[in-house]
Amino acid sequence: MIRAIVCVAGFMLAGTALAGGRNVTWTGWFSDLKCASSRAASGTFTATNPECAKNCLKAGAAPAFISEQAKAVFTVKDSPSVVEQLGFHVEVQATVDEAARTITIQKVKQLGYDGAACERQKR
């Protein structure tokens, strides 16, 4: 009986860990979901125009994170600093739920300012 309870409790904890996502340290950019998703659909996982993203977020678009490592776009959950980080290449420590395509940010480190692609000098 006790063995069965321990097994059930173990399965419940394992399920909770899987449902909660996994911790990651990724680099990428914040944006809005609409702009980031349309660029990702064409295979582009780089910064979006920060002014455009800011306007879309103010209009109610969902915030997004573009991950260089995952080559994917994730909806940002509960991170008020997204607007302040637009245009910056960042490193985030976060919990990601890849099945739900969501990311919860714990820490953001700015790596450099990229700005809009049209503002950058050609190499």
PDB file of N, CA and C in Angstrom:
ATOM      1  N   MET A   1       0.817  -1.189   0.000  1.00  0.00           N
ATOM      2  CA  MET A   1       0.000   0.000   0.000  1.00  0.00           C
ATOM      3  C   MET A   1       0.866   1.261   0.000  1.00  0.00           C
ATOM      4  N   ILE A   2       1.838   1.307   0.932  1.00  0.00           N
ATOM      5  CA  ILE A   2       2.720   2.473   1.004  1.00  0.00           C
ATOM      6  C   ILE A   2       3.535   2.579  -0.278  1.00  0.00           C
ATOM      7  N   ARG A   3       3.979   1.441  -0.814  1.00  0.00           N
ATOM      8  CA  ARG A   3       4.749   1.426  -2.055  1.00  0.00           C
ATOM      9  C   ARG A   3       3.919   2.031  -3.194  1.00  0.00           C
ATOM     10  N   ALA A   4       2.642   1.706  -3.269  1.00  0.00           N
ATOM     11  CA  ALA A   4       1.763   2.229  -4.318  1.00  0.00           C
ATOM     12  C   ALA A   4       1.599   3.734  -4.180  1.00  0.00           C
ATOM     13  N   ILE A   5       1.463   4.214  -2.940  1.00  0.00           N
ATOM     14  CA  ILE A   5       1.319   5.653  -2.703  1.00  0.00           C
ATOM     15  C   ILE A   5       2.589   6.388  -3.128  1.00  0.00           C
ATOM     16  N   VAL A   6       3.764   5.811  -2.800  1.00  0.00           N
ATOM     17  CA  VAL A   6       5.037   6.419  -3.177  1.00  0.00           C
ATOM     18  C   VAL A   6       5.164   6.479  -4.703  1.00  0.00           C
ATOM     19  N   CYS A   7       4.761   5.407  -5.395  1.00  0.00           N
ATOM     20  CA  CYS A   7       4.821   5.385  -6.861  1.00  0.00           C
ATOM     21  C   CYS A   7       3.906   6.453  -7.465  1.00  0.00           C
ATOM     22  N   VAL A   8       2.691   6.541  -6.962  1.00  0.00           N
ATOM     23  CA  VAL A   8       1.745   7.534  -7.477  1.00  0.00           C
ATOM     24  C   VAL A   8       2.277   8.942  -7.228  1.00  0.00           C
ATOM     25  N   ALA A   9       2.810   9.189  -6.037  1.00  0.00           N
ATOM     26  CA  ALA A   9       3.364  10.502  -5.710  1.00  0.00           C
ATOM     27  C   ALA A   9       4.546  10.819  -6.621  1.00  0.00           C
ATOM     28  N   GLY A  10       5.374   9.834  -6.906  1.00  0.00           N
ATOM     29  CA  GLY A  10       6.517  10.029  -7.805  1.00  0.00           C
ATOM     30  C   GLY A  10       6.067  10.389  -9.207  1.00  0.00           C
ATOM     31  N   PHE A  11       5.052   9.701  -9.727  1.00  0.00           N
ATOM     32  CA  PHE A  11       4.526  10.025 -11.048  1.00  0.00           C
ATOM     33  C   PHE A  11       3.909  11.415 -11.081  1.00  0.00           C
ATOM     34  N   MET A  12       3.233  11.798 -10.006  1.00  0.00           N
ATOM     35  CA  MET A  12       2.629  13.125  -9.954  1.00  0.00           C
ATOM     36  C   MET A  12       3.701  14.205  -9.970  1.00  0.00           C
ATOM     37  N   LEU A  13       4.777  14.017  -9.220  1.00  0.00           N
ATOM     38  CA  LEU A  13       5.867  14.984  -9.205  1.00  0.00           C
ATOM     39  C   LEU A  13       6.555  15.054 -10.560  1.00  0.00           C
ATOM     40  N   ALA A  14       6.759  13.930 -11.203  1.00  0.00           N
ATOM     41  CA  ALA A  14       7.375  13.915 -12.530  1.00  0.00           C
ATOM     42  C   ALA A  14       6.497  14.647 -13.531  1.00  0.00           C
ATOM     43  N   GLY A  15       5.213  14.446 -13.462  1.00  0.00           N
ATOM     44  CA  GLY A  15       4.287  15.137 -14.359  1.00  0.00           C
ATOM     45  C   GLY A  15       4.293  16.628 -14.136  1.00  0.00           C
ATOM     46  N   THR A  16       4.402  17.030 -12.873  1.00  0.00           N
ATOM     47  CA  THR A  16       4.453  18.449 -12.549  1.00  0.00           C
ATOM     48  C   THR A  16       5.724  19.075 -13.098  1.00  0.00           C
ATOM     49  N   ALA A  17       6.840  18.389 -12.982  1.00  0.00           N
ATOM     50  CA  ALA A  17       8.104  18.918 -13.494  1.00  0.00           C
ATOM     51  C   ALA A  17       8.048  19.084 -15.005  1.00  0.00           C
ATOM     52  N   LEU A  18       7.462  18.112 -15.701  1.00  0.00           N
ATOM     53  CA  LEU A  18       7.353  18.199 -17.151  1.00  0.00           C
ATOM     54  C   LEU A  18       6.411  19.317 -17.560  1.00  0.00           C
ATOM     55  N   ALA A  19       5.303  19.471 -16.846  1.00  0.00           N
ATOM     56  CA  ALA A  19       4.328  20.497 -17.191  1.00  0.00           C
ATOM     57  C   ALA A  19       4.879  21.887 -16.929  1.00  0.00           C
ATOM     58  N   GLY A  20       5.774  22.017 -15.949  1.00  0.00           N
ATOM     59  CA  GLY A  20       6.329  23.318 -15.588  1.00  0.00           C
ATOM     60  C   GLY A  20       7.386  23.812 -16.549  1.00  0.00           C
ATOM     61  N   GLY A  21       7.846  22.989 -17.457  1.00  0.00           N
ATOM     62  CA  GLY A  21       8.856  23.388 -18.423  1.00  0.00           C
ATOM     63  C   GLY A  21      10.258  23.101 -17.928  1.00  0.00           C
ATOM     64  N   ARG A  22      11.213  23.636 -18.668  1.00  0.00           N
ATOM     65  CA  ARG A  22      12.618  23.431 -18.296  1.00  0.00           C
ATOM     66  C   ARG A  22      13.328  24.769 -18.255  1.00  0.00           C
ATOM     67  N   ASN A  23      14.352  24.844 -17.438  1.00  0.00           N
ATOM     68  CA  ASN A  23      15.115  26.078 -17.302  1.00  0.00           C
ATOM     69  C   ASN A  23      16.143  26.171 -18.417  1.00  0.00           C
ATOM     70  N   VAL A  24      16.277  27.368 -18.990  1.00  0.00           N
ATOM     71  CA  VAL A  24      17.207  27.590 -20.091  1.00  0.00           C
ATOM     72  C   VAL A  24      17.947  28.902 -19.895  1.00  0.00           C
ATOM     73  N   THR A  25      19.084  29.020 -20.529  1.00  0.00           N
ATOM     74  CA  THR A  25      19.779  30.288 -20.701  1.00  0.00           C
ATOM     75  C   THR A  25      19.968  30.427 -22.201  1.00  0.00           C
ATOM     76  N   TRP A  26      19.253  31.370 -22.782  1.00  0.00           N
ATOM     77  CA  TRP A  26      19.256  31.573 -24.234  1.00  0.00           C
ATOM     78  C   TRP A  26      19.588  33.015 -24.557  1.00  0.00           C
ATOM     79  N   THR A  27      20.035  33.227 -25.777  1.00  0.00           N
ATOM     80  CA  THR A  27      20.209  34.573 -26.297  1.00  0.00           C
ATOM     81  C   THR A  27      19.180  34.813 -27.398  1.00  0.00           C
ATOM     82  N   GLY A  28      18.855  36.088 -27.599  1.00  0.00           N
ATOM     83  CA  GLY A  28      17.884  36.425 -28.631  1.00  0.00           C
ATOM     84  C   GLY A  28      17.381  37.836 -28.445  1.00  0.00           C
ATOM     85  N   TRP A  29      16.127  38.063 -28.843  1.00  0.00           N
ATOM     86  CA  TRP A  29      15.547  39.399 -28.836  1.00  0.00           C
ATOM     87  C   TRP A  29      14.087  39.338 -28.408  1.00  0.00           C
ATOM     88  N   PHE A  30      13.623  40.410 -27.799  1.00  0.00           N
ATOM     89  CA  PHE A  30      12.202  40.559 -27.509  1.00  0.00           C
ATOM     90  C   PHE A  30      11.540  41.262 -28.685  1.00  0.00           C
ATOM     91  N   SER A  31      10.279  40.949 -28.894  1.00  0.00           N
ATOM     92  CA  SER A  31       9.498  41.546 -29.971  1.00  0.00           C
ATOM     93  C   SER A  31       8.027  41.383 -29.630  1.00  0.00           C
ATOM     94  N   ASP A  32       7.190  41.590 -30.634  1.00  0.00           N
ATOM     95  CA  ASP A  32       5.779  41.233 -30.501  1.00  0.00           C
ATOM     96  C   ASP A  32       5.567  39.952 -31.291  1.00  0.00           C
ATOM     97  N   LEU A  33       4.559  39.183 -30.927  1.00  0.00           N
ATOM     98  CA  LEU A  33       4.337  37.867 -31.508  1.00  0.00           C
ATOM     99  C   LEU A  33       4.057  37.925 -33.012  1.00  0.00           C
ATOM    100  N   LYS A  34       3.310  38.928 -33.447  1.00  0.00           N
ATOM    101  CA  LYS A  34       2.945  39.012 -34.867  1.00  0.00           C
ATOM    102  C   LYS A  34       4.179  39.206 -35.750  1.00  0.00           C
ATOM    103  N   CYS A  35       4.983  40.208 -35.443  1.00  0.00           N
ATOM    104  CA  CYS A  35       6.185  40.475 -36.257  1.00  0.00           C
ATOM    105  C   CYS A  35       7.182  39.318 -36.183  1.00  0.00           C
ATOM    106  N   ALA A  36       7.423  38.834 -34.975  1.00  0.00           N
ATOM    107  CA  ALA A  36       8.396  37.759 -34.804  1.00  0.00           C
ATOM    108  C   ALA A  36       7.953  36.484 -35.508  1.00  0.00           C
ATOM    109  N   SER A  37       6.665  36.156 -35.429  1.00  0.00           N
ATOM    110  CA  SER A  37       6.162  34.928 -36.052  1.00  0.00           C
ATOM    111  C   SER A  37       6.233  34.991 -37.568  1.00  0.00           C
ATOM    112  N   SER A  38       5.938  36.147 -38.144  1.00  0.00           N
ATOM    113  CA  SER A  38       5.991  36.250 -39.605  1.00  0.00           C
ATOM    114  C   SER A  38       7.429  36.134 -40.100  1.00  0.00           C
ATOM    115  N   ARG A  39       8.374  36.692 -39.367  1.00  0.00           N
ATOM    116  CA  ARG A  39       9.791  36.552 -39.744  1.00  0.00           C
ATOM    117  C   ARG A  39      10.254  35.110 -39.555  1.00  0.00           C
ATOM    118  N   ALA A  40       9.833  34.482 -38.468  1.00  0.00           N
ATOM    119  CA  ALA A  40      10.228  33.092 -38.207  1.00  0.00           C
ATOM    120  C   ALA A  40       9.687  32.149 -39.276  1.00  0.00           C
ATOM    121  N   ALA A  41       8.504  32.441 -39.782  1.00  0.00           N
ATOM    122  CA  ALA A  41       7.911  31.602 -40.825  1.00  0.00           C
ATOM    123  C   ALA A  41       8.782  31.584 -42.078  1.00  0.00           C
ATOM    124  N   SER A  42       9.549  32.654 -42.295  1.00  0.00           N
ATOM    125  CA  SER A  42      10.450  32.697 -43.449  1.00  0.00           C
ATOM    126  C   SER A  42      11.857  32.221 -43.087  1.00  0.00           C
ATOM    127  N   GLY A  43      12.023  31.732 -41.839  1.00  0.00           N
ATOM    128  CA  GLY A  43      13.315  31.215 -41.408  1.00  0.00           C
ATOM    129  C   GLY A  43      14.247  32.270 -40.840  1.00  0.00           C
ATOM    130  N   THR A  44      13.731  33.456 -40.525  1.00  0.00           N
ATOM    131  CA  THR A  44      14.551  34.540 -39.982  1.00  0.00           C
ATOM    132  C   THR A  44      14.343  34.651 -38.479  1.00  0.00           C
ATOM    133  N   PHE A  45      15.408  34.386 -37.731  1.00  0.00           N
ATOM    134  CA  PHE A  45      15.363  34.444 -36.268  1.00  0.00           C
ATOM    135  C   PHE A  45      16.354  35.500 -35.788  1.00  0.00           C
ATOM    136  N   THR A  46      16.029  36.762 -36.093  1.00  0.00           N
ATOM    137  CA  THR A  46      16.866  37.897 -35.712  1.00  0.00           C
ATOM    138  C   THR A  46      15.971  38.991 -35.143  1.00  0.00           C
ATOM    139  N   ALA A  47      16.597  40.103 -34.771  1.00  0.00           N
ATOM    140  CA  ALA A  47      15.854  41.223 -34.181  1.00  0.00           C
ATOM    141  C   ALA A  47      14.818  41.776 -35.151  1.00  0.00           C
ATOM    142  N   THR A  48      13.711  42.226 -34.595  1.00  0.00           N
ATOM    143  CA  THR A  48      12.699  42.932 -35.383  1.00  0.00           C
ATOM    144  C   THR A  48      12.890  44.426 -35.148  1.00  0.00           C
ATOM    145  N   ASN A  49      12.154  45.242 -35.860  1.00  0.00           N
ATOM    146  CA  ASN A  49      12.229  46.683 -35.684  1.00  0.00           C
ATOM    147  C   ASN A  49      11.660  47.032 -34.304  1.00  0.00           C
ATOM    148  N   PRO A  50      12.476  47.623 -33.417  1.00  0.00           N
ATOM    149  CA  PRO A  50      12.000  47.883 -32.048  1.00  0.00           C
ATOM    150  C   PRO A  50      10.848  48.885 -31.973  1.00  0.00           C
ATOM    151  N   GLU A  51      10.841  49.878 -32.851  1.00  0.00           N
ATOM    152  CA  GLU A  51       9.749  50.864 -32.822  1.00  0.00           C
ATOM    153  C   GLU A  51       8.436  50.229 -33.263  1.00  0.00           C
ATOM    154  N   CYS A  52       8.490  49.403 -34.285  1.00  0.00           N
ATOM    155  CA  CYS A  52       7.293  48.705 -34.751  1.00  0.00           C
ATOM    156  C   CYS A  52       6.773  47.764 -33.660  1.00  0.00           C
ATOM    157  N   ALA A  53       7.697  47.015 -33.038  1.00  0.00           N
ATOM    158  CA  ALA A  53       7.304  46.089 -31.966  1.00  0.00           C
ATOM    159  C   ALA A  53       6.676  46.850 -30.802  1.00  0.00           C
ATOM    160  N   LYS A  54       7.250  48.007 -30.461  1.00  0.00           N
ATOM    161  CA  LYS A  54       6.714  48.813 -29.354  1.00  0.00           C
ATOM    162  C   LYS A  54       5.283  49.233 -29.661  1.00  0.00           C
ATOM    163  N   ASN A  55       5.041  49.685 -30.884  1.00  0.00           N
ATOM    164  CA  ASN A  55       3.694  50.106 -31.276  1.00  0.00           C
ATOM    165  C   ASN A  55       2.719  48.925 -31.246  1.00  0.00           C
ATOM    166  N   CYS A  56       3.154  47.767 -31.720  1.00  0.00           N
ATOM    167  CA  CYS A  56       2.286  46.585 -31.713  1.00  0.00           C
ATOM    168  C   CYS A  56       1.957  46.138 -30.287  1.00  0.00           C
ATOM    169  N   LEU A  57       2.961  46.194 -29.401  1.00  0.00           N
ATOM    170  CA  LEU A  57       2.725  45.816 -28.005  1.00  0.00           C
ATOM    171  C   LEU A  57       1.749  46.786 -27.342  1.00  0.00           C
ATOM    172  N   LYS A  58       1.902  48.074 -27.611  1.00  0.00           N
ATOM    173  CA  LYS A  58       0.986  49.073 -27.049  1.00  0.00           C
ATOM    174  C   LYS A  58      -0.437  48.866 -27.565  1.00  0.00           C
ATOM    175  N   ALA A  59      -0.551  48.333 -28.788  1.00  0.00           N
ATOM    176  CA  ALA A  59      -1.867  48.086 -29.386  1.00  0.00           C
ATOM    177  C   ALA A  59      -2.475  46.764 -28.914  1.00  0.00           C
ATOM    178  N   GLY A  60      -1.748  46.034 -28.053  1.00  0.00           N
ATOM    179  CA  GLY A  60      -2.303  44.809 -27.486  1.00  0.00           C
ATOM    180  C   GLY A  60      -1.716  43.504 -27.992  1.00  0.00           C
ATOM    181  N   ALA A  61      -0.713  43.571 -28.864  1.00  0.00           N
ATOM    182  CA  ALA A  61      -0.077  42.331 -29.341  1.00  0.00           C
ATOM    183  C   ALA A  61       0.632  41.640 -28.182  1.00  0.00           C
ATOM    184  N   ALA A  62       0.739  40.338 -28.266  1.00  0.00           N
ATOM    185  CA  ALA A  62       1.420  39.562 -27.232  1.00  0.00           C
ATOM    186  C   ALA A  62       2.932  39.749 -27.353  1.00  0.00           C
ATOM    187  N   PRO A  63       3.632  39.876 -26.220  1.00  0.00           N
ATOM    188  CA  PRO A  63       5.089  39.961 -26.261  1.00  0.00           C
ATOM    189  C   PRO A  63       5.688  38.606 -26.622  1.00  0.00           C
ATOM    190  N   ALA A  64       6.851  38.648 -27.276  1.00  0.00           N
ATOM    191  CA  ALA A  64       7.484  37.406 -27.727  1.00  0.00           C
ATOM    192  C   ALA A  64       8.989  37.465 -27.493  1.00  0.00           C
ATOM    193  N   PHE A  65       9.597  36.276 -27.429  1.00  0.00           N
ATOM    194  CA  PHE A  65      11.050  36.159 -27.371  1.00  0.00           C
ATOM    195  C   PHE A  65      11.490  35.320 -28.556  1.00  0.00           C
ATOM    196  N   ILE A  66      12.474  35.817 -29.291  1.00  0.00           N
ATOM    197  CA  ILE A  66      13.042  35.108 -30.437  1.00  0.00           C
ATOM    198  C   ILE A  66      14.324  34.453 -29.947  1.00  0.00           C
ATOM    199  N   SER A  67      14.351  33.127 -29.911  1.00  0.00           N
ATOM    200  CA  SER A  67      15.500  32.387 -29.396  1.00  0.00           C
ATOM    201  C   SER A  67      16.452  31.989 -30.513  1.00  0.00           C
ATOM    202  N   GLU A  68      17.718  32.378 -30.356  1.00  0.00           N
ATOM    203  CA  GLU A  68      18.734  31.955 -31.325  1.00  0.00           C
ATOM    204  C   GLU A  68      19.000  30.456 -31.228  1.00  0.00           C
ATOM    205  N   GLN A  69      19.036  29.924 -30.012  1.00  0.00           N
ATOM    206  CA  GLN A  69      19.361  28.519 -29.833  1.00  0.00           C
ATOM    207  C   GLN A  69      18.244  27.601 -30.317  1.00  0.00           C
ATOM    208  N   ALA A  70      17.012  27.922 -29.977  1.00  0.00           N
ATOM    209  CA  ALA A  70      15.881  27.058 -30.343  1.00  0.00           C
ATOM    210  C   ALA A  70      15.403  27.316 -31.773  1.00  0.00           C
ATOM    211  N   LYS A  71      15.849  28.434 -32.361  1.00  0.00           N
ATOM    212  CA  LYS A  71      15.347  28.836 -33.691  1.00  0.00           C
ATOM    213  C   LYS A  71      13.823  28.801 -33.669  1.00  0.00           C
ATOM    214  N   ALA A  72      13.275  29.514 -32.654  1.00  0.00           N
ATOM    215  CA  ALA A  72      11.827  29.521 -32.442  1.00  0.00           C
ATOM    216  C   ALA A  72      11.414  30.808 -31.748  1.00  0.00           C
ATOM    217  N   VAL A  73      10.115  31.071 -31.810  1.00  0.00           N
ATOM    218  CA  VAL A  73       9.512  32.236 -31.163  1.00  0.00           C
ATOM    219  C   VAL A  73       8.598  31.740 -30.053  1.00  0.00           C
ATOM    220  N   PHE A  74       8.709  32.354 -28.881  1.00  0.00           N
ATOM    221  CA  PHE A  74       7.918  31.963 -27.724  1.00  0.00           C
ATOM    222  C   PHE A  74       7.138  33.160 -27.204  1.00  0.00           C
ATOM    223  N   THR A  75       5.895  32.940 -26.807  1.00  0.00           N
ATOM    224  CA  THR A  75       5.100  33.980 -26.164  1.00  0.00           C
ATOM    225  C   THR A  75       5.643  34.187 -24.757  1.00  0.00           C
ATOM    226  N   VAL A  76       5.898  35.441 -24.398  1.00  0.00           N
ATOM    227  CA  VAL A  76       6.441  35.774 -23.082  1.00  0.00           C
ATOM    228  C   VAL A  76       5.305  35.868 -22.080  1.00  0.00           C
ATOM    229  N   LYS A  77       5.463  35.165 -20.969  1.00  0.00           N
ATOM    230  CA  LYS A  77       4.484  35.218 -19.887  1.00  0.00           C
ATOM    231  C   LYS A  77       5.044  36.071 -18.752  1.00  0.00           C
ATOM    232  N   ASP A  78       4.268  36.998 -18.263  1.00  0.00           N
ATOM    233  CA  ASP A  78       4.579  37.743 -17.041  1.00  0.00           C
ATOM    234  C   ASP A  78       5.954  38.406 -17.015  1.00  0.00           C
ATOM    235  N   SER A  79       6.278  39.186 -18.031  1.00  0.00           N
ATOM    236  CA  SER A  79       7.543  39.926 -18.001  1.00  0.00           C
ATOM    237  C   SER A  79       7.296  41.374 -18.400  1.00  0.00           C
ATOM    238  N   PRO A  80       7.215  42.264 -17.421  1.00  0.00           N
ATOM    239  CA  PRO A  80       6.905  43.662 -17.716  1.00  0.00           C
ATOM    240  C   PRO A  80       8.043  44.421 -18.399  1.00  0.00           C
ATOM    241  N   SER A  81       9.261  43.873 -18.413  1.00  0.00           N
ATOM    242  CA  SER A  81      10.407  44.618 -18.944  1.00  0.00           C
ATOM    243  C   SER A  81      10.624  44.427 -20.439  1.00  0.00           C
ATOM    244  N   VAL A  82       9.733  43.739 -21.133  1.00  0.00           N
ATOM    245  CA  VAL A  82       9.921  43.475 -22.558  1.00  0.00           C
ATOM    246  C   VAL A  82      10.078  44.778 -23.344  1.00  0.00           C
ATOM    247  N   VAL A  83       9.219  45.749 -23.137  1.00  0.00           N
ATOM    248  CA  VAL A  83       9.263  47.002 -23.906  1.00  0.00           C
ATOM    249  C   VAL A  83      10.606  47.699 -23.705  1.00  0.00           C
ATOM    250  N   GLU A  84      11.121  47.691 -22.487  1.00  0.00           N
ATOM    251  CA  GLU A  84      12.396  48.351 -22.194  1.00  0.00           C
ATOM    252  C   GLU A  84      13.574  47.645 -22.860  1.00  0.00           C
ATOM    253  N   GLN A  85      13.412  46.388 -23.217  1.00  0.00           N
ATOM    254  CA  GLN A  85      14.505  45.595 -23.799  1.00  0.00           C
ATOM    255  C   GLN A  85      14.446  45.526 -25.326  1.00  0.00           C
ATOM    256  N   LEU A  86      13.418  46.116 -25.932  1.00  0.00           N
ATOM    257  CA  LEU A  86      13.284  46.056 -27.392  1.00  0.00           C
ATOM    258  C   LEU A  86      14.501  46.680 -28.065  1.00  0.00           C
ATOM    259  N   GLY A  87      15.007  46.006 -29.084  1.00  0.00           N
ATOM    260  CA  GLY A  87      16.172  46.492 -29.818  1.00  0.00           C
ATOM    261  C   GLY A  87      17.487  45.976 -29.270  1.00  0.00           C
ATOM    262  N   PHE A  88      17.465  45.404 -28.075  1.00  0.00           N
ATOM    263  CA  PHE A  88      18.683  44.874 -27.475  1.00  0.00           C
ATOM    264  C   PHE A  88      18.813  43.375 -27.743  1.00  0.00           C
ATOM    265  N   HIS A  89      20.030  42.947 -28.050  1.00  0.00           N
ATOM    266  CA  HIS A  89      20.360  41.528 -28.067  1.00  0.00           C
ATOM    267  C   HIS A  89      20.526  41.170 -26.594  1.00  0.00           C
ATOM    268  N   VAL A  90      19.801  40.155 -26.123  1.00  0.00           N
ATOM    269  CA  VAL A  90      19.778  39.845 -24.697  1.00  0.00           C
ATOM    270  C   VAL A  90      20.084  38.374 -24.434  1.00  0.00           C
ATOM    271  N   GLU A  91      20.488  38.122 -23.204  1.00  0.00           N
ATOM    272  CA  GLU A  91      20.604  36.757 -22.690  1.00  0.00           C
ATOM    273  C   GLU A  91      19.556  36.636 -21.603  1.00  0.00           C
ATOM    274  N   VAL A  92      18.732  35.599 -21.677  1.00  0.00           N
ATOM    275  CA  VAL A  92      17.696  35.407 -20.672  1.00  0.00           C
ATOM    276  C   VAL A  92      17.914  34.094 -19.935  1.00  0.00           C
ATOM    277  N   GLN A  93      17.591  34.129 -18.665  1.00  0.00           N
ATOM    278  CA  GLN A  93      17.435  32.910 -17.884  1.00  0.00           C
ATOM    279  C   GLN A  93      15.938  32.787 -17.707  1.00  0.00           C
ATOM    280  N   ALA A  94      15.406  31.630 -18.103  1.00  0.00           N
ATOM    281  CA  ALA A  94      13.956  31.511 -18.171  1.00  0.00           C
ATOM    282  C   ALA A  94      13.522  30.064 -18.031  1.00  0.00           C
ATOM    283  N   THR A  95      12.211  29.909 -17.858  1.00  0.00           N
ATOM    284  CA  THR A  95      11.586  28.593 -17.903  1.00  0.00           C
ATOM    285  C   THR A  95      10.764  28.557 -19.179  1.00  0.00           C
ATOM    286  N   VAL A  96      11.005  27.544 -19.976  1.00  0.00           N
ATOM    287  CA  VAL A  96      10.326  27.445 -21.264  1.00  0.00           C
ATOM    288  C   VAL A  96       9.419  26.210 -21.281  1.00  0.00           C
ATOM    289  N   ASP A  97       8.249  26.396 -21.840  1.00  0.00           N
ATOM    290  CA  ASP A  97       7.318  25.293 -22.086  1.00  0.00           C
ATOM    291  C   ASP A  97       7.229  25.178 -23.599  1.00  0.00           C
ATOM    292  N   GLU A  98       8.020  24.266 -24.156  1.00  0.00           N
ATOM    293  CA  GLU A  98       8.111  24.155 -25.609  1.00  0.00           C
ATOM    294  C   GLU A  98       6.809  23.677 -26.240  1.00  0.00           C
ATOM    295  N   ALA A  99       6.049  22.861 -25.537  1.00  0.00           N
ATOM    296  CA  ALA A  99       4.774  22.390 -26.077  1.00  0.00           C
ATOM    297  C   ALA A  99       3.777  23.538 -26.216  1.00  0.00           C
ATOM    298  N   ALA A 100       3.734  24.412 -25.227  1.00  0.00           N
ATOM    299  CA  ALA A 100       2.814  25.554 -25.253  1.00  0.00           C
ATOM    300  C   ALA A 100       3.417  26.761 -25.958  1.00  0.00           C
ATOM    301  N   ARG A 101       4.713  26.690 -26.290  1.00  0.00           N
ATOM    302  CA  ARG A 101       5.437  27.791 -26.926  1.00  0.00           C
ATOM    303  C   ARG A 101       5.409  29.060 -26.071  1.00  0.00           C
ATOM    304  N   THR A 102       5.639  28.878 -24.746  1.00  0.00           N
ATOM    305  CA  THR A 102       5.682  30.019 -23.831  1.00  0.00           C
ATOM    306  C   THR A 102       7.011  30.037 -23.093  1.00  0.00           C
ATOM    307  N   ILE A 103       7.374  31.225 -22.633  1.00  0.00           N
ATOM    308  CA  ILE A 103       8.603  31.384 -21.870  1.00  0.00           C
ATOM    309  C   ILE A 103       8.335  32.355 -20.725  1.00  0.00           C
ATOM    310  N   THR A 104       8.818  32.008 -19.538  1.00  0.00           N
ATOM    311  CA  THR A 104       8.703  32.865 -18.364  1.00  0.00           C
ATOM    312  C   THR A 104      10.111  33.328 -18.014  1.00  0.00           C
ATOM    313  N   ILE A 105      10.336  34.618 -18.087  1.00  0.00           N
ATOM    314  CA  ILE A 105      11.662  35.198 -17.902  1.00  0.00           C
ATOM    315  C   ILE A 105      11.943  35.410 -16.419  1.00  0.00           C
ATOM    316  N   GLN A 106      13.117  34.941 -15.973  1.00  0.00           N
ATOM    317  CA  GLN A 106      13.554  35.209 -14.606  1.00  0.00           C
ATOM    318  C   GLN A 106      14.589  36.334 -14.564  1.00  0.00           C
ATOM    319  N   LYS A 107      15.475  36.365 -15.572  1.00  0.00           N
ATOM    320  CA  LYS A 107      16.564  37.343 -15.565  1.00  0.00           C
ATOM    321  C   LYS A 107      16.917  37.710 -17.003  1.00  0.00           C
ATOM    322  N   VAL A 108      17.207  38.997 -17.223  1.00  0.00           N
ATOM    323  CA  VAL A 108      17.594  39.490 -18.544  1.00  0.00           C
ATOM    324  C   VAL A 108      18.929  40.226 -18.419  1.00  0.00           C
ATOM    325  N   LYS A 109      19.833  39.920 -19.332  1.00  0.00           N
ATOM    326  CA  LYS A 109      21.118  40.616 -19.394  1.00  0.00           C
ATOM    327  C   LYS A 109      21.253  41.187 -20.809  1.00  0.00           C
ATOM    328  N   GLN A 110      21.458  42.493 -20.905  1.00  0.00           N
ATOM    329  CA  GLN A 110      21.642  43.115 -22.214  1.00  0.00           C
ATOM    330  C   GLN A 110      23.050  42.826 -22.717  1.00  0.00           C
ATOM    331  N   LEU A 111      23.130  42.366 -23.970  1.00  0.00           N
ATOM    332  CA  LEU A 111      24.418  42.063 -24.580  1.00  0.00           C
ATOM    333  C   LEU A 111      24.878  43.181 -25.509  1.00  0.00           C
ATOM    334  N   GLY A 112      23.941  43.898 -26.093  1.00  0.00           N
ATOM    335  CA  GLY A 112      24.280  44.996 -26.992  1.00  0.00           C
ATOM    336  C   GLY A 112      23.036  45.497 -27.679  1.00  0.00           C
ATOM    337  N   TYR A 113      23.127  46.707 -28.207  1.00  0.00           N
ATOM    338  CA  TYR A 113      21.958  47.275 -28.883  1.00  0.00           C
ATOM    339  C   TYR A 113      22.059  46.987 -30.370  1.00  0.00           C
ATOM    340  N   ASP A 114      21.034  46.340 -30.924  1.00  0.00           N
ATOM    341  CA  ASP A 114      20.987  46.043 -32.351  1.00  0.00           C
ATOM    342  C   ASP A 114      20.157  47.073 -33.099  1.00  0.00           C
ATOM    343  N   GLY A 115      19.075  47.549 -32.491  1.00  0.00           N
ATOM    344  CA  GLY A 115      18.189  48.483 -33.156  1.00  0.00           C
ATOM    345  C   GLY A 115      17.484  47.836 -34.340  1.00  0.00           C
ATOM    346  N   ALA A 116      16.934  48.651 -35.195  1.00  0.00           N
ATOM    347  CA  ALA A 116      16.258  48.147 -36.379  1.00  0.00           C
ATOM    348  C   ALA A 116      17.281  47.757 -37.432  1.00  0.00           C
ATOM    349  N   ALA A 117      16.995  46.732 -38.212  1.00  0.00           N
ATOM    350  CA  ALA A 117      17.906  46.271 -39.256  1.00  0.00           C
ATOM    351  C   ALA A 117      18.227  47.400 -40.247  1.00  0.00           C
ATOM    352  N   CYS A 118      17.230  48.240 -40.531  1.00  0.00           N
ATOM    353  CA  CYS A 118      17.453  49.324 -41.500  1.00  0.00           C
ATOM    354  C   CYS A 118      18.379  50.406 -40.946  1.00  0.00           C
ATOM    355  N   GLU A 119      18.598  50.417 -39.626  1.00  0.00           N
ATOM    356  CA  GLU A 119      19.466  51.416 -39.005  1.00  0.00           C
ATOM    357  C   GLU A 119      20.920  50.960 -38.933  1.00  0.00           C
ATOM    358  N   ARG A 120      21.165  49.641 -39.121  1.00  0.00           N
ATOM    359  CA  ARG A 120      22.511  49.094 -38.967  1.00  0.00           C
ATOM    360  C   ARG A 120      23.346  49.323 -40.217  1.00  0.00           C
ATOM    361  N   GLN A 121      24.639  49.571 -40.017  1.00  0.00           N
ATOM    362  CA  GLN A 121      25.531  49.709 -41.152  1.00  0.00           C
ATOM    363  C   GLN A 121      25.771  48.347 -41.793  1.00  0.00           C
ATOM    364  N   LYS A 122      25.924  48.353 -43.098  1.00  0.00           N
ATOM    365  CA  LYS A 122      26.216  47.114 -43.839  1.00  0.00           C
ATOM    366  C   LYS A 122      27.674  46.740 -43.586  1.00  0.00           C
ATOM    367  N   ARG A 123      27.930  45.455 -43.493  1.00  0.00           N
ATOM    368  CA  ARG A 123      29.319  44.990 -43.263  1.00  0.00           C
ATOM    369  C   ARG A 123      30.013  44.676 -44.556  1.00  0.00           C
TER     370      ARG A 123
END
